[in-house]
Amino acid sequence: MIQANTPYDILIKIIKEKHKQLPTIMKEKGIDCWLIFVRETSVNPDPIMNQIIGGDIVWQSAFIFAFDGDKFTKTAIVGDFDALAEESKGIWDTVIPYKEGISIPLKELFREINPSKIALNYSEDSVVSDGLSHGMYLKLTSILSDKKDLFVSAYPIIQALRGRKTKKEIELVTKACEITEEINRKMTKLIKIGMSEIEIQKMFHKEMDKYGVKEAWQRISCPAVDVGPDKEFGHVNPLPNLKTKKGHTLHNDFGVKINGYCSDLQRMWFFGSEDEIPKELKHAFETVYNAITKAAEYIKPGVTGFSVDKIARDYVKSQGYEEYAHALGHQIGTNAHDGGVLLGPLWERYGEITKGIVEEGNIFTLELYLKTKNYGMVSLEENIVVTKDGCRFLVPRSRKFITIEEF
């Protein structure tokens, strides 16, 4: 049985934990009202829905978190067929059902709370904060036409809410990492010389099915399987004509999803004994390993995302390699790419998200690749959780090439 989704009782527990975080986060961000406005979420879900609301709704619905003086209120305005489901969750102070349309109850509520700002789920840089569709935005500006000037992006709220993982969320991501490594260890005993990338990936899929876990991203490239010196790493599907050979490497980028939470790890194998690994490969591996070490030693609450990336990037260049063409680390949670602060350079494509501040409870990847002259690419990826004064790895690190000597 596939255990991809979070069991309902655990989901509601996490949602309640997130609701407890909200008053502090909203005060920190200077926002007194957050409005999530959605419809038919089984077709077009808002990325924050599952962590803050749970389940799907059908009719136009408004979920409002607001301060009324010092009192923090949580209100759901939903179609009458959705009302009982929302009430049964036990997460709302008030559930307001409607029959003919949402306009009247929504206007009345906003007259009562009279906020100074209304945060909406739109963002130019963060996909997980951009759940409000254009059509729903136009409808909202029509209903609340007198309050359009109060609209601001909810990105600061969502970034903090998704990033500050609860104890239960950290447990779930850790479990996914542990299973990922268990499968890697089993595959080490089964992979042989002469196997194609597609054959190897199918073996991984078979083992994932035995564990009852789902791929952390699209199945055709999870795990990514890269064999030999001629394969460029990236979002590339396995190929039938590339096969394992003695003296070559094997790389995977692999994550599983269990109980609604993901892992994302990369490992390197070498076909031969440790003594047979070329110095060029060893130096590349050590450089990647040391770059991750330096970033892990530097990261802590309060530093910026781009400053963490710079530590690793500068070290890689100091060792004579060209810099990697991606960010050092992204957050993990309900998705392999979970939004929030990014550990990356100040490049246009990343917008403002690498300028964000690292916080306790954030779960990041630390990953980079290097190109060697004669043996292809070397890459590792580890998963860490940020602690009060540093970080810890969720599973033991990969410290050297995994060797496959039985052919």
Protein backbone atom coordinates (compact mmCIF):
# COMPACT_ATOMS: atom_id res chain seq x y z
CA MET A 1 0.00 0.00 0.00
CA ILE A 2 1.41 3.38 -1.05
CA GLN A 3 1.78 5.73 1.93
CA ALA A 4 2.21 8.94 -0.05
CA ASN A 5 -0.33 11.12 1.73
CA THR A 6 -0.23 12.25 5.34
CA PRO A 7 -2.68 10.21 7.47
CA TYR A 8 -5.63 12.39 8.44
CA ASP A 9 -4.96 12.37 12.18
CA ILE A 10 -1.33 13.39 11.65
CA LEU A 11 -2.36 16.01 9.09
CA ILE A 12 -4.78 17.67 11.51
CA LYS A 13 -2.11 17.61 14.23
CA ILE A 14 0.36 19.38 11.93
CA ILE A 15 -2.28 21.93 10.87
CA LYS A 16 -2.99 22.74 14.51
CA GLU A 17 0.74 23.19 15.10
CA LYS A 18 0.91 25.54 12.12
CA HIS A 19 -2.09 27.52 13.37
CA LYS A 20 -0.26 28.02 16.67
CA GLN A 21 2.71 29.45 14.79
CA LEU A 22 0.61 31.93 12.83
CA PRO A 23 -0.02 34.72 15.38
CA THR A 24 3.70 35.07 16.08
CA ILE A 25 4.60 34.99 12.39
CA MET A 26 1.96 37.54 11.40
CA LYS A 27 3.04 39.92 14.16
CA GLU A 28 6.67 39.56 13.08
CA LYS A 29 5.72 40.42 9.50
CA GLY A 30 3.46 43.33 10.47
CA ILE A 31 0.37 41.83 8.83
CA ASP A 32 -2.93 41.74 10.70
CA CYS A 33 -5.01 39.74 8.18
CA TRP A 34 -4.30 36.83 5.85
CA LEU A 35 -6.96 35.75 3.35
CA ILE A 36 -6.76 32.48 1.40
CA PHE A 37 -9.32 32.59 -1.44
CA VAL A 38 -9.86 29.36 -3.41
CA ARG A 39 -12.31 27.16 -5.31
CA GLU A 40 -12.36 23.59 -6.70
CA THR A 41 -9.04 22.82 -5.07
CA SER A 42 -8.93 19.23 -6.32
CA VAL A 43 -8.44 20.77 -9.77
CA ASN A 44 -6.45 23.91 -8.87
CA PRO A 45 -5.07 23.68 -5.32
CA ASP A 46 -3.27 26.48 -3.53
CA PRO A 47 0.17 25.12 -2.44
CA ILE A 48 -0.45 26.15 1.19
CA MET A 49 -3.84 24.41 1.44
CA ASN A 50 -2.66 21.09 2.82
CA GLN A 51 -0.58 22.60 5.61
CA ILE A 52 -3.04 25.20 6.83
CA ILE A 53 -6.51 23.94 5.83
CA GLY A 54 -6.31 20.26 4.87
CA GLY A 55 -8.47 18.49 2.30
CA ASP A 56 -10.27 20.01 -0.67
CA ILE A 57 -13.19 22.40 -1.02
CA VAL A 58 -15.59 22.82 -3.93
CA TRP A 59 -17.31 26.22 -3.87
CA GLN A 60 -15.59 29.58 -3.61
CA SER A 61 -14.15 29.69 -0.10
CA ALA A 62 -12.37 32.22 2.08
CA PHE A 63 -10.15 31.31 5.01
CA ILE A 64 -9.29 34.33 7.13
CA PHE A 65 -6.67 34.62 9.86
CA ALA A 66 -6.90 38.01 11.54
CA PHE A 67 -6.21 40.06 14.64
CA ASP A 68 -9.10 41.85 16.28
CA GLY A 69 -7.11 43.91 18.75
CA ASP A 70 -5.07 41.35 20.68
CA LYS A 71 -7.48 38.53 19.83
CA PHE A 72 -6.47 36.22 16.98
CA THR A 73 -9.40 34.74 15.03
CA LYS A 74 -9.66 31.97 12.45
CA THR A 75 -12.69 31.98 10.17
CA ALA A 76 -13.80 29.77 7.28
CA ILE A 77 -16.46 31.02 4.86
CA VAL A 78 -17.50 28.08 2.68
CA GLY A 79 -20.38 26.75 0.65
CA ASP A 80 -22.98 25.02 2.80
CA PHE A 81 -22.04 21.57 1.40
CA ASP A 82 -18.45 22.11 2.62
CA ALA A 83 -19.35 23.55 6.02
CA LEU A 84 -19.74 20.30 7.97
CA ALA A 85 -16.36 19.03 6.79
CA GLU A 86 -14.67 22.23 7.97
CA GLU A 87 -16.44 22.15 11.33
CA SER A 88 -15.41 18.54 11.91
CA LYS A 89 -11.71 19.45 11.68
CA GLY A 90 -11.85 21.45 14.90
CA ILE A 91 -9.39 24.04 13.61
CA TRP A 92 -11.69 27.06 13.08
CA ASP A 93 -13.14 29.51 15.60
CA THR A 94 -16.05 30.14 13.25
CA VAL A 95 -17.38 28.42 10.13
CA ILE A 96 -19.78 30.55 8.09
CA PRO A 97 -21.76 28.64 5.44
CA TYR A 98 -23.42 30.30 2.47
CA LYS A 99 -25.94 29.13 -0.13
CA GLU A 100 -26.22 31.62 -2.99
CA GLY A 101 -22.88 33.42 -2.94
CA ILE A 102 -19.84 34.31 -0.85
CA SER A 103 -19.96 38.08 -1.42
CA ILE A 104 -22.28 39.10 1.41
CA PRO A 105 -20.69 37.10 4.26
CA LEU A 106 -17.19 38.05 3.07
CA LYS A 107 -18.00 41.77 2.97
CA GLU A 108 -19.66 41.60 6.39
CA LEU A 109 -16.66 39.89 7.97
CA PHE A 110 -14.22 42.46 6.62
CA ARG A 111 -16.39 45.29 7.86
CA GLU A 112 -16.14 43.74 11.32
CA ILE A 113 -12.39 43.06 11.43
CA ASN A 114 -11.41 46.22 9.47
CA PRO A 115 -7.75 45.20 8.85
CA SER A 116 -4.93 47.57 7.97
CA LYS A 117 -3.43 45.02 5.53
CA ILE A 118 -4.85 42.01 3.72
CA ALA A 119 -2.23 39.45 2.73
CA LEU A 120 -3.06 37.42 -0.40
CA ASN A 121 -1.28 34.42 -1.89
CA TYR A 122 0.62 35.97 -4.78
CA SER A 123 4.35 36.30 -5.39
CA GLU A 124 6.65 37.03 -8.33
CA ASP A 125 9.47 34.86 -6.97
CA SER A 126 7.97 32.07 -4.85
CA VAL A 127 5.79 29.44 -6.50
CA VAL A 128 4.51 28.11 -3.17
CA SER A 129 3.26 31.62 -2.29
CA ASP A 130 1.50 32.15 -5.62
CA GLY A 131 -1.65 30.09 -5.17
CA LEU A 132 -4.26 32.80 -5.83
CA SER A 133 -5.38 32.44 -9.44
CA HIS A 134 -5.80 35.53 -11.58
CA GLY A 135 -9.51 34.88 -11.96
CA MET A 136 -10.02 34.62 -8.21
CA TYR A 137 -7.97 37.78 -7.70
CA LEU A 138 -10.26 39.66 -10.09
CA LYS A 139 -13.32 38.30 -8.29
CA LEU A 140 -11.88 39.33 -4.93
CA THR A 141 -11.12 42.86 -6.09
CA SER A 142 -14.73 43.10 -7.22
CA ILE A 143 -16.14 41.86 -3.90
CA LEU A 144 -13.75 43.89 -1.73
CA SER A 145 -13.41 46.84 -4.10
CA ASP A 146 -13.10 49.31 -1.23
CA LYS A 147 -10.13 47.41 0.23
CA LYS A 148 -7.95 46.84 -2.86
CA ASP A 149 -5.36 49.30 -1.59
CA LEU A 150 -4.81 47.08 1.46
CA PHE A 151 -3.74 44.02 -0.56
CA VAL A 152 -0.15 42.83 0.01
CA SER A 153 1.70 39.61 -0.77
CA ALA A 154 1.42 36.81 1.80
CA TYR A 155 4.89 35.60 0.78
CA PRO A 156 6.52 36.61 4.12
CA ILE A 157 3.91 34.62 6.06
CA ILE A 158 4.03 31.54 3.83
CA GLN A 159 7.83 31.52 3.70
CA ALA A 160 8.04 31.42 7.49
CA LEU A 161 5.11 29.04 7.96
CA ARG A 162 6.39 26.45 5.49
CA GLY A 163 10.00 26.89 6.58
CA ARG A 164 9.64 26.57 10.35
CA LYS A 165 9.12 22.83 10.46
CA THR A 166 7.36 21.41 13.48
CA LYS A 167 8.75 18.49 15.46
CA LYS A 168 6.37 16.12 13.67
CA GLU A 169 7.35 17.44 10.24
CA ILE A 170 11.05 16.92 11.00
CA GLU A 171 10.27 13.35 12.08
CA LEU A 172 8.44 12.67 8.80
CA VAL A 173 11.21 14.08 6.58
CA THR A 174 13.79 12.12 8.57
CA LYS A 175 11.82 8.91 8.04
CA ALA A 176 11.75 9.56 4.28
CA CYS A 177 15.53 10.08 4.32
CA GLU A 178 16.09 6.84 6.25
CA ILE A 179 14.03 4.83 3.75
CA THR A 180 15.88 6.45 0.85
CA GLU A 181 19.19 5.31 2.31
CA GLU A 182 17.88 1.82 3.05
CA ILE A 183 16.91 1.46 -0.61
CA ASN A 184 20.30 2.79 -1.72
CA ARG A 185 22.04 0.17 0.42
CA LYS A 186 19.89 -2.62 -1.03
CA MET A 187 20.55 -1.45 -4.59
CA THR A 188 24.32 -1.48 -3.95
CA LYS A 189 24.10 -5.26 -3.58
CA LEU A 190 22.04 -5.66 -6.77
CA ILE A 191 23.64 -3.30 -9.29
CA LYS A 192 26.05 -5.03 -11.68
CA ILE A 193 28.30 -4.12 -14.59
CA GLY A 194 26.46 -4.11 -17.91
CA MET A 195 23.17 -2.74 -16.55
CA SER A 196 21.58 0.20 -18.34
CA GLU A 197 20.33 3.33 -16.65
CA ILE A 198 16.74 2.28 -17.34
CA GLU A 199 17.29 -1.18 -15.83
CA ILE A 200 18.76 0.37 -12.69
CA GLN A 201 15.91 2.82 -12.33
CA LYS A 202 13.35 0.02 -12.68
CA MET A 203 15.09 -1.83 -9.82
CA PHE A 204 14.72 1.26 -7.65
CA HIS A 205 11.04 1.58 -8.53
CA LYS A 206 10.45 -2.06 -7.63
CA GLU A 207 12.05 -1.57 -4.22
CA MET A 208 10.08 1.66 -3.64
CA ASP A 209 6.87 -0.26 -4.31
CA LYS A 210 7.91 -2.88 -1.73
CA TYR A 211 8.37 -0.13 0.87
CA GLY A 212 5.05 1.47 -0.03
CA VAL A 213 6.62 4.83 -0.83
CA LYS A 214 6.12 7.18 -3.74
CA GLU A 215 8.68 9.13 -5.73
CA ALA A 216 9.43 12.62 -4.39
CA TRP A 217 9.14 14.12 -7.90
CA GLN A 218 8.06 12.77 -11.30
CA ARG A 219 8.69 9.03 -11.52
CA ILE A 220 10.43 9.13 -14.92
CA SER A 221 13.35 11.01 -13.35
CA CYS A 222 13.18 9.73 -9.77
CA PRO A 223 15.68 8.44 -9.19
CA ALA A 224 17.85 10.18 -11.74
CA VAL A 225 20.41 7.60 -12.86
CA ASP A 226 23.64 8.79 -14.46
CA VAL A 227 26.25 6.31 -15.68
CA GLY A 228 29.80 6.96 -16.85
CA PRO A 229 31.79 9.99 -17.99
CA ASP A 230 29.56 11.06 -20.89
CA LYS A 231 26.34 11.74 -18.99
CA GLU A 232 25.46 15.33 -18.09
CA PHE A 233 23.64 15.58 -14.77
CA GLY A 234 20.35 17.42 -14.53
CA HIS A 235 16.65 16.83 -15.01
CA VAL A 236 17.37 14.05 -17.50
CA ASN A 237 15.59 10.72 -17.86
CA PRO A 238 17.60 7.47 -17.80
CA LEU A 239 18.86 6.25 -21.17
CA PRO A 240 18.87 2.68 -22.53
CA ASN A 241 22.25 2.92 -24.28
CA LEU A 242 24.35 4.00 -21.28
CA LYS A 243 25.53 1.00 -19.27
CA THR A 244 27.70 0.49 -16.22
CA LYS A 245 31.35 -0.39 -16.78
CA LYS A 246 34.36 -1.20 -14.63
CA GLY A 247 36.24 1.97 -13.71
CA HIS A 248 33.18 4.16 -14.26
CA THR A 249 30.90 5.96 -11.83
CA LEU A 250 27.19 5.76 -11.11
CA HIS A 251 25.27 8.73 -9.70
CA ASN A 252 21.71 8.97 -8.49
CA ASP A 253 19.46 11.82 -7.36
CA PHE A 254 16.78 10.09 -5.31
CA GLY A 255 13.97 10.97 -2.97
CA VAL A 256 10.85 9.27 -1.69
CA LYS A 257 7.57 10.55 -0.36
CA ILE A 258 5.95 8.87 2.63
CA ASN A 259 3.15 10.19 4.83
CA GLY A 260 3.13 13.37 2.74
CA TYR A 261 6.81 14.35 3.29
CA CYS A 262 9.87 14.02 1.05
CA SER A 263 13.58 13.30 1.01
CA ASP A 264 16.12 14.36 -1.62
CA LEU A 265 19.60 12.78 -1.55
CA GLN A 266 22.41 12.17 -4.06
CA ARG A 267 24.98 9.39 -3.90
CA MET A 268 28.00 8.27 -5.98
CA TRP A 269 29.17 4.71 -6.74
CA PHE A 270 32.40 3.48 -8.34
CA PHE A 271 32.77 0.15 -10.14
CA GLY A 272 35.99 -1.19 -8.71
CA SER A 273 37.90 -1.22 -5.46
CA GLU A 274 38.68 1.89 -3.45
CA ASP A 275 42.34 1.59 -4.47
CA GLU A 276 41.31 1.74 -8.13
CA ILE A 277 39.50 5.09 -7.84
CA PRO A 278 41.49 7.64 -9.91
CA LYS A 279 43.04 10.56 -8.05
CA GLU A 280 41.05 12.95 -10.22
CA LEU A 281 37.78 11.43 -9.01
CA LYS A 282 38.93 11.34 -5.40
CA HIS A 283 39.89 15.01 -5.50
CA ALA A 284 36.53 15.98 -6.98
CA PHE A 285 34.66 13.96 -4.36
CA GLU A 286 36.71 15.48 -1.54
CA THR A 287 36.07 18.98 -2.91
CA VAL A 288 32.29 18.42 -3.01
CA TYR A 289 32.38 16.86 0.45
CA ASN A 290 34.45 19.70 1.91
CA ALA A 291 32.27 22.38 0.29
CA ILE A 292 29.20 20.84 1.93
CA THR A 293 31.08 20.62 5.23
CA LYS A 294 32.02 24.30 5.12
CA ALA A 295 28.43 25.32 4.33
CA ALA A 296 27.10 23.12 7.15
CA GLU A 297 29.59 24.61 9.61
CA TYR A 298 28.57 28.13 8.60
CA ILE A 299 24.78 27.85 8.43
CA LYS A 300 22.74 28.93 11.46
CA PRO A 301 19.65 31.02 12.19
CA GLY A 302 20.06 34.63 11.09
CA VAL A 303 22.37 34.20 8.09
CA THR A 304 21.19 34.92 4.55
CA GLY A 305 20.63 32.24 1.94
CA PHE A 306 23.13 33.73 -0.49
CA SER A 307 25.89 33.91 2.15
CA VAL A 308 25.64 30.13 2.77
CA ASP A 309 25.90 29.45 -0.96
CA LYS A 310 28.92 31.77 -1.24
CA ILE A 311 30.87 29.73 1.30
CA ALA A 312 30.60 26.57 -0.81
CA ARG A 313 30.89 28.35 -4.17
CA ASP A 314 34.07 30.20 -3.23
CA TYR A 315 35.67 27.00 -1.94
CA VAL A 316 34.88 25.12 -5.16
CA LYS A 317 36.48 27.86 -7.26
CA SER A 318 39.52 27.94 -4.95
CA GLN A 319 40.10 24.27 -5.81
CA GLY A 320 40.28 25.04 -9.53
CA TYR A 321 36.78 24.00 -10.59
CA GLU A 322 34.16 26.03 -12.43
CA GLU A 323 31.24 27.00 -10.22
CA TYR A 324 28.11 24.85 -10.18
CA ALA A 325 25.19 26.25 -12.19
CA HIS A 326 22.48 26.08 -9.53
CA ALA A 327 21.70 26.98 -5.94
CA LEU A 328 23.47 25.11 -3.16
CA GLY A 329 20.30 24.19 -1.34
CA HIS A 330 16.52 24.30 -1.35
CA GLN A 331 14.04 23.51 1.40
CA ILE A 332 12.35 20.11 1.70
CA GLY A 333 8.99 19.23 3.22
CA THR A 334 5.70 18.29 1.61
CA ASN A 335 7.54 18.75 -1.68
CA ALA A 336 11.13 18.03 -2.64
CA HIS A 337 11.31 21.74 -3.53
CA ASP A 338 9.32 23.19 -0.67
CA GLY A 339 9.73 26.93 -1.22
CA GLY A 340 10.94 29.47 1.32
CA VAL A 341 14.49 30.76 1.60
CA LEU A 342 16.89 29.40 -1.01
CA LEU A 343 20.62 28.88 -0.46
CA GLY A 344 21.69 30.34 -3.76
CA PRO A 345 23.58 33.14 -5.48
CA LEU A 346 22.21 36.60 -6.23
CA TRP A 347 21.15 35.68 -9.75
CA GLU A 348 18.16 37.19 -11.56
CA ARG A 349 16.42 33.84 -11.88
CA TYR A 350 16.17 33.49 -8.09
CA GLY A 351 14.70 36.94 -7.47
CA GLU A 352 14.58 37.88 -3.80
CA ILE A 353 14.40 34.41 -2.27
CA THR A 354 18.15 33.98 -1.75
CA LYS A 355 18.15 37.18 0.32
CA GLY A 356 15.89 35.54 2.91
CA ILE A 357 17.02 34.72 6.42
CA VAL A 358 17.71 31.14 7.52
CA GLU A 359 15.61 30.12 10.55
CA GLU A 360 15.60 27.35 13.12
CA GLY A 361 13.54 24.41 11.90
CA ASN A 362 14.30 24.96 8.20
CA ILE A 363 15.18 21.73 6.37
CA PHE A 364 17.58 22.25 3.46
CA THR A 365 19.48 20.24 0.92
CA LEU A 366 23.20 20.92 0.58
CA GLU A 367 24.14 19.84 -2.94
CA LEU A 368 26.60 20.61 -5.71
CA TYR A 369 28.32 18.98 -8.65
CA LEU A 370 31.77 19.27 -10.21
CA LYS A 371 33.00 18.33 -13.68
CA THR A 372 36.19 16.32 -13.97
CA LYS A 373 38.32 16.29 -17.11
CA ASN A 374 38.31 12.55 -17.76
CA TYR A 375 35.69 10.87 -15.58
CA GLY A 376 32.51 12.88 -15.85
CA MET A 377 30.66 14.58 -13.04
CA VAL A 378 30.72 14.12 -9.27
CA SER A 379 27.81 15.23 -7.10
CA LEU A 380 26.51 14.76 -3.58
CA GLU A 381 23.39 15.94 -1.80
CA GLU A 382 22.69 15.87 1.93
CA ASN A 383 19.64 16.90 3.97
CA ILE A 384 20.02 19.06 7.09
CA VAL A 385 17.76 20.67 9.67
CA VAL A 386 18.77 24.06 11.06
CA THR A 387 19.11 24.00 14.86
CA LYS A 388 19.34 26.76 17.44
CA ASP A 389 23.05 27.33 16.83
CA GLY A 390 23.90 25.39 13.66
CA CYS A 391 22.55 22.35 11.84
CA ARG A 392 22.47 18.56 11.94
CA PHE A 393 22.34 16.01 9.15
CA LEU A 394 19.11 14.00 9.06
CA VAL A 395 20.94 10.80 8.07
CA PRO A 396 24.67 9.96 8.10
CA ARG A 397 26.61 11.66 5.31
CA SER A 398 28.15 9.95 2.32
CA ARG A 399 31.87 10.22 3.08
CA LYS A 400 33.36 8.41 0.11
CA PHE A 401 32.48 6.64 -3.12
CA ILE A 402 30.33 3.56 -2.58
CA THR A 403 32.35 0.80 -4.25
CA ILE A 404 30.89 -2.13 -6.17
CA GLU A 405 33.58 -4.78 -6.53
CA GLU A 406 31.54 -7.90 -7.35
CA PHE A 407 30.84 -7.94 -11.03
